[in-house]
Amino acid sequence: MRKWFPAILIAGALAFSLIAWPRLPEQMVTHWNMRGEPDGYSSRLLGAFMIPVFTLGIWLLLLAIPYIDPRRANIEKFRDTYETLIIAVVSIMVLLHVAVVGAALGWPIAIARLAPFAVGALLVVLGNLLPRFRSNFFMGIRTPWTLSSDSVWMKTHRVGGYLIVGAGLLLIASAFVQSAVFSYVAFAGTIFAALATLVYSYIAWRAESR
């Protein structure tokens, strides 16, 4: 059941689009700026089905990775964690889809609050899961240095997990603060977490090499 739960979510998203289809406008808002103002539009067809179809593609790819990764034996070591990540990714995508379609139906949805909260929550989940990842070529923090050493991989994912959780909490906070400046700070924090993790992986590798 756990393995197929994402499929149920995606099917539910498609069903929701089909039910809402007769009441959707010909042009749907599909993007909002940081102030929550619409700044991107799509046709009804794309607006209703783009995210579910894209999510379906992501899910199928994630299902295939354990079978094509040369280090697939390592993925089996954290298979439960991997499936939890898949559920989290699909859940956030479906939530955003419902928000987009709901907004087109006239529901009072504050996209400017929901989007950073959803992405931040996903980062918090990812940050907590990262230390459980084992070396592989598709998932996790894959740099030349983490892929060359299991100990560097573990150290980097532990530090990266803390940094990504911090970035996620900043994004969640930005959903409630509703300040353009704070939103940019949260966005900058996410970039910093990614860059700092990459730099740390090199530092850890250099230290181990010595």
Foldseek 3Di string as FASTA:
>chain_A
DLLCVLVVLLVVLLVVLVVLVVQFDQKFQDDADLLQHGDDIDGSVCLSPVLSVVLVVVSVVLVCVLVPWPVSVQCVQLVVLSSVLNVLVSVLSSVSSCLRSCVRNVDPDRCSLSVLLSVLVSLLSQLVSQLSHFDIDPDHLDDPLCNVDRVLSNVLSNQLSVQSNVLSVLSNVCSVVSDPVSNVVSVVSNVCSSVVSVVSSVVVSVVVVD
